[in-house]
PDB file of N, CA and C in Angstrom:
ATOM      1  N   LEU A   1       0.815  -1.249   0.048  1.00  0.00           N
ATOM      2  CA  LEU A   1       0.178   0.443  -0.151  1.00  0.00           C
ATOM      3  C   LEU A   1       0.696   1.040   0.133  1.00  0.00           C
ATOM      4  N   ILE A   2       2.083   1.105   0.784  1.00  0.00           N
ATOM      5  CA  ILE A   2       2.754   2.470   0.762  1.00  0.00           C
ATOM      6  C   ILE A   2       3.674   2.881  -0.582  1.00  0.00           C
ATOM      7  N   SER A   3       3.717   1.588  -0.907  1.00  0.00           N
ATOM      8  CA  SER A   3       4.673   1.679  -2.704  1.00  0.00           C
ATOM      9  C   SER A   3       3.668   2.473  -3.672  1.00  0.00           C
ATOM     10  N   LEU A   4       2.304   1.508  -3.494  1.00  0.00           N
ATOM     11  CA  LEU A   4       1.162   2.608  -4.746  1.00  0.00           C
ATOM     12  C   LEU A   4       1.034   4.137  -4.191  1.00  0.00           C
ATOM     13  N   VAL A   5       0.685   4.009  -2.848  1.00  0.00           N
ATOM     14  CA  VAL A   5       0.780   5.784  -2.342  1.00  0.00           C
ATOM     15  C   VAL A   5       1.849   6.516  -2.817  1.00  0.00           C
ATOM     16  N   LEU A   6       2.954   6.599  -2.503  1.00  0.00           N
ATOM     17  CA  LEU A   6       4.330   6.768  -3.326  1.00  0.00           C
ATOM     18  C   LEU A   6       4.363   7.052  -4.750  1.00  0.00           C
ATOM     19  N   THR A   7       3.816   5.693  -5.544  1.00  0.00           N
ATOM     20  CA  THR A   7       4.184   6.019  -7.177  1.00  0.00           C
ATOM     21  C   THR A   7       2.790   6.956  -7.181  1.00  0.00           C
ATOM     22  N   PHE A   8       1.694   7.141  -6.699  1.00  0.00           N
ATOM     23  CA  PHE A   8       0.406   7.975  -6.888  1.00  0.00           C
ATOM     24  C   PHE A   8       1.167   9.479  -6.650  1.00  0.00           C
ATOM     25  N   CYS A   9       2.040   9.917  -5.425  1.00  0.00           N
ATOM     26  CA  CYS A   9       2.242  11.108  -5.158  1.00  0.00           C
ATOM     27  C   CYS A   9       3.569  11.282  -6.275  1.00  0.00           C
ATOM     28  N   SER A  10       4.225  10.400  -6.526  1.00  0.00           N
ATOM     29  CA  SER A  10       5.173  10.865  -7.902  1.00  0.00           C
ATOM     30  C   SER A  10       4.695  11.314  -9.256  1.00  0.00           C
ATOM     31  N   GLY A  11       3.597  10.666  -9.456  1.00  0.00           N
ATOM     32  CA  GLY A  11       3.123  11.165 -10.518  1.00  0.00           C
ATOM     33  C   GLY A  11       2.323  12.655 -10.194  1.00  0.00           C
ATOM     34  N   LEU A  12       1.703  12.756  -8.941  1.00  0.00           N
ATOM     35  CA  LEU A  12       1.106  13.762  -8.791  1.00  0.00           C
ATOM     36  C   LEU A  12       2.007  14.982  -8.833  1.00  0.00           C
ATOM     37  N   GLN A  13       3.325  14.958  -8.267  1.00  0.00           N
ATOM     38  CA  GLN A  13       3.996  16.039  -8.177  1.00  0.00           C
ATOM     39  C   GLN A  13       5.020  16.446  -9.659  1.00  0.00           C
ATOM     40  N   ALA A  14       4.813  15.271 -10.421  1.00  0.00           N
ATOM     41  CA  ALA A  14       5.433  15.239 -11.772  1.00  0.00           C
ATOM     42  C   ALA A  14       4.412  16.345 -12.537  1.00  0.00           C
ATOM     43  N   ILE A  15       2.817  15.744 -12.608  1.00  0.00           N
ATOM     44  CA  ILE A  15       1.827  16.736 -13.228  1.00  0.00           C
ATOM     45  C   ILE A  15       1.841  18.152 -12.553  1.00  0.00           C
ATOM     46  N   ALA A  16       1.803  18.285 -11.306  1.00  0.00           N
ATOM     47  CA  ALA A  16       2.303  19.631 -10.584  1.00  0.00           C
ATOM     48  C   ALA A  16       3.188  20.457 -11.141  1.00  0.00           C
ATOM     49  N   TYR A  17       4.139  19.955 -11.325  1.00  0.00           N
ATOM     50  CA  TYR A  17       5.372  20.545 -11.948  1.00  0.00           C
ATOM     51  C   TYR A  17       5.464  20.835 -13.219  1.00  0.00           C
ATOM     52  N   TRP A  18       5.058  20.304 -14.021  1.00  0.00           N
ATOM     53  CA  TRP A  18       4.722  20.659 -15.675  1.00  0.00           C
ATOM     54  C   TRP A  18       3.732  21.339 -15.668  1.00  0.00           C
ATOM     55  N   ALA A  19       2.460  21.423 -14.899  1.00  0.00           N
ATOM     56  CA  ALA A  19       1.865  22.587 -14.946  1.00  0.00           C
ATOM     57  C   ALA A  19       2.207  23.683 -14.605  1.00  0.00           C
ATOM     58  N   PHE A  20       2.831  23.605 -13.574  1.00  0.00           N
ATOM     59  CA  PHE A  20       3.231  24.992 -12.725  1.00  0.00           C
ATOM     60  C   PHE A  20       4.307  25.836 -13.878  1.00  0.00           C
ATOM     61  N   ILE A  21       4.915  25.162 -14.607  1.00  0.00           N
ATOM     62  CA  ILE A  21       5.973  25.376 -15.805  1.00  0.00           C
ATOM     63  C   ILE A  21       5.373  25.746 -16.995  1.00  0.00           C
ATOM     64  N   LYS A  22       3.874  25.354 -16.822  1.00  0.00           N
ATOM     65  CA  LYS A  22       3.351  25.501 -18.395  1.00  0.00           C
ATOM     66  C   LYS A  22       3.900  24.578 -19.625  1.00  0.00           C
ATOM     67  N   ASP A  23       4.172  23.559 -19.167  1.00  0.00           N
ATOM     68  CA  ASP A  23       4.967  22.527 -20.205  1.00  0.00           C
ATOM     69  C   ASP A  23       4.061  21.581 -20.247  1.00  0.00           C
ATOM     70  N   PHE A  24       3.290  21.623 -21.472  1.00  0.00           N
ATOM     71  CA  PHE A  24       2.255  20.108 -21.904  1.00  0.00           C
ATOM     72  C   PHE A  24       2.628  19.535 -22.921  1.00  0.00           C
ATOM     73  N   ASP A  25       4.049  18.972 -22.602  1.00  0.00           N
ATOM     74  CA  ASP A  25       4.326  18.033 -23.631  1.00  0.00           C
ATOM     75  C   ASP A  25       3.851  16.399 -23.601  1.00  0.00           C
ATOM     76  N   LEU A  26       3.077  16.145 -24.423  1.00  0.00           N
ATOM     77  CA  LEU A  26       1.865  14.961 -24.158  1.00  0.00           C
ATOM     78  C   LEU A  26       2.330  13.574 -23.706  1.00  0.00           C
ATOM     79  N   THR A  27       3.664  13.518 -24.274  1.00  0.00           N
ATOM     80  CA  THR A  27       4.325  12.231 -23.776  1.00  0.00           C
ATOM     81  C   THR A  27       4.744  12.177 -22.253  1.00  0.00           C
ATOM     82  N   TRP A  28       5.261  13.287 -21.884  1.00  0.00           N
ATOM     83  CA  TRP A  28       5.552  13.308 -20.439  1.00  0.00           C
ATOM     84  C   TRP A  28       3.976  13.195 -19.493  1.00  0.00           C
ATOM     85  N   TRP A  29       3.186  13.794 -20.000  1.00  0.00           N
ATOM     86  CA  TRP A  29       1.905  14.022 -19.249  1.00  0.00           C
ATOM     87  C   TRP A  29       1.340  12.537 -19.096  1.00  0.00           C
ATOM     88  N   ALA A  30       1.653  11.956 -20.584  1.00  0.00           N
ATOM     89  CA  ALA A  30       0.750  10.694 -20.422  1.00  0.00           C
ATOM     90  C   ALA A  30       1.457   9.571 -19.164  1.00  0.00           C
ATOM     91  N   PHE A  31       2.772   9.602 -19.274  1.00  0.00           N
ATOM     92  CA  PHE A  31       3.698   8.602 -18.334  1.00  0.00           C
ATOM     93  C   PHE A  31       3.042   8.496 -16.993  1.00  0.00           C
ATOM     94  N   ASN A  32       3.062  10.329 -16.435  1.00  0.00           N
ATOM     95  CA  ASN A  32       2.924  10.962 -15.356  1.00  0.00           C
ATOM     96  C   ASN A  32       1.558  10.301 -15.055  1.00  0.00           C
ATOM     97  N   LEU A  33       0.374  10.529 -16.054  1.00  0.00           N
ATOM     98  CA  LEU A  33      -0.804  10.245 -15.919  1.00  0.00           C
ATOM     99  C   LEU A  33      -0.838   9.095 -15.396  1.00  0.00           C
ATOM    100  N   TYR A  34      -0.205   7.809 -15.963  1.00  0.00           N
ATOM    101  CA  TYR A  34      -0.138   6.416 -15.546  1.00  0.00           C
ATOM    102  C   TYR A  34       0.057   6.306 -14.363  1.00  0.00           C
ATOM    103  N   LEU A  35       1.281   6.943 -14.140  1.00  0.00           N
ATOM    104  CA  LEU A  35       1.667   6.653 -12.656  1.00  0.00           C
ATOM    105  C   LEU A  35       0.864   7.074 -11.392  1.00  0.00           C
ATOM    106  N   MET A  36      -0.129   8.022 -11.994  1.00  0.00           N
ATOM    107  CA  MET A  36      -1.317   8.238 -10.514  1.00  0.00           C
ATOM    108  C   MET A  36      -2.428   7.235 -11.059  1.00  0.00           C
ATOM    109  N   VAL A  37      -2.847   6.945 -12.022  1.00  0.00           N
ATOM    110  CA  VAL A  37      -4.119   5.929 -12.193  1.00  0.00           C
ATOM    111  C   VAL A  37      -3.760   4.491 -11.925  1.00  0.00           C
ATOM    112  N   TYR A  38      -2.840   4.129 -12.559  1.00  0.00           N
ATOM    113  CA  TYR A  38      -2.792   2.421 -12.202  1.00  0.00           C
ATOM    114  C   TYR A  38      -2.512   2.258 -10.613  1.00  0.00           C
ATOM    115  N   PRO A  39      -1.833   3.074  -9.566  1.00  0.00           N
ATOM    116  CA  PRO A  39      -1.918   2.912  -8.189  1.00  0.00           C
ATOM    117  C   PRO A  39      -3.108   2.809  -7.466  1.00  0.00           C
ATOM    118  N   LEU A  40      -4.195   3.472  -8.279  1.00  0.00           N
ATOM    119  CA  LEU A  40      -5.604   4.138  -7.508  1.00  0.00           C
ATOM    120  C   LEU A  40      -6.503   2.633  -7.744  1.00  0.00           C
ATOM    121  N   LEU A  41      -6.231   1.938  -8.718  1.00  0.00           N
ATOM    122  CA  LEU A  41      -6.929   0.721  -9.173  1.00  0.00           C
ATOM    123  C   LEU A  41      -6.508  -0.303  -8.253  1.00  0.00           C
ATOM    124  N   PHE A  42      -5.246  -0.774  -8.060  1.00  0.00           N
ATOM    125  CA  PHE A  42      -4.843  -1.677  -7.534  1.00  0.00           C
ATOM    126  C   PHE A  42      -5.294  -1.175  -5.664  1.00  0.00           C
ATOM    127  N   ILE A  43      -4.747   0.084  -5.285  1.00  0.00           N
ATOM    128  CA  ILE A  43      -5.572   0.511  -3.855  1.00  0.00           C
ATOM    129  C   ILE A  43      -7.033   0.256  -3.719  1.00  0.00           C
ATOM    130  N   LYS A  44      -7.683   0.174  -4.656  1.00  0.00           N
ATOM    131  CA  LYS A  44      -9.621  -0.094  -4.292  1.00  0.00           C
ATOM    132  C   LYS A  44      -9.448  -1.530  -4.350  1.00  0.00           C
ATOM    133  N   LEU A  45      -8.752  -2.538  -5.342  1.00  0.00           N
ATOM    134  CA  LEU A  45      -8.337  -3.514  -4.958  1.00  0.00           C
ATOM    135  C   LEU A  45      -8.556  -4.067  -3.521  1.00  0.00           C
ATOM    136  N   LEU A  46      -7.127  -3.463  -3.085  1.00  0.00           N
ATOM    137  CA  LEU A  46      -6.867  -3.786  -1.494  1.00  0.00           C
ATOM    138  C   LEU A  46      -7.824  -3.300  -0.699  1.00  0.00           C
ATOM    139  N   ILE A  47      -8.161  -2.397  -1.075  1.00  0.00           N
ATOM    140  CA  ILE A  47      -9.705  -1.985   0.299  1.00  0.00           C
ATOM    141  C   ILE A  47     -10.796  -3.085  -0.392  1.00  0.00           C
ATOM    142  N   ASN A  48     -11.073  -3.347  -1.292  1.00  0.00           N
ATOM    143  CA  ASN A  48     -12.361  -4.162  -1.485  1.00  0.00           C
ATOM    144  C   ASN A  48     -12.228  -5.707  -0.953  1.00  0.00           C
ATOM    145  N   ASN A  49     -10.912  -6.121  -0.797  1.00  0.00           N
ATOM    146  CA  ASN A  49     -10.822  -7.283  -0.651  1.00  0.00           C
ATOM    147  C   ASN A  49     -10.680  -7.487   1.150  1.00  0.00           C
ATOM    148  N   ARG A  50     -10.012  -6.280   1.635  1.00  0.00           N
ATOM    149  CA  ARG A  50      -9.914  -6.609   2.952  1.00  0.00           C
ATOM    150  C   ARG A  50     -11.291  -6.229   3.850  1.00  0.00           C
ATOM    151  N   GLY A  51     -12.200  -6.097   3.246  1.00  0.00           N
ATOM    152  CA  GLY A  51     -13.272  -6.098   3.912  1.00  0.00           C
ATOM    153  C   GLY A  51     -14.159  -6.774   3.628  1.00  0.00           C
TER     154      GLY A  51
END
């Protein structure tokens, strides 16, 4: 769970940085959005299997 949360945070920090400097390269955004989306799917599975 910790690894998934940290992966999500790294993607979020990268997206925030690229937005802050107004650099909208689709390639960088796609990889960083992927880093944000796939941990959420696994976190949801962990939460659903726990209860």
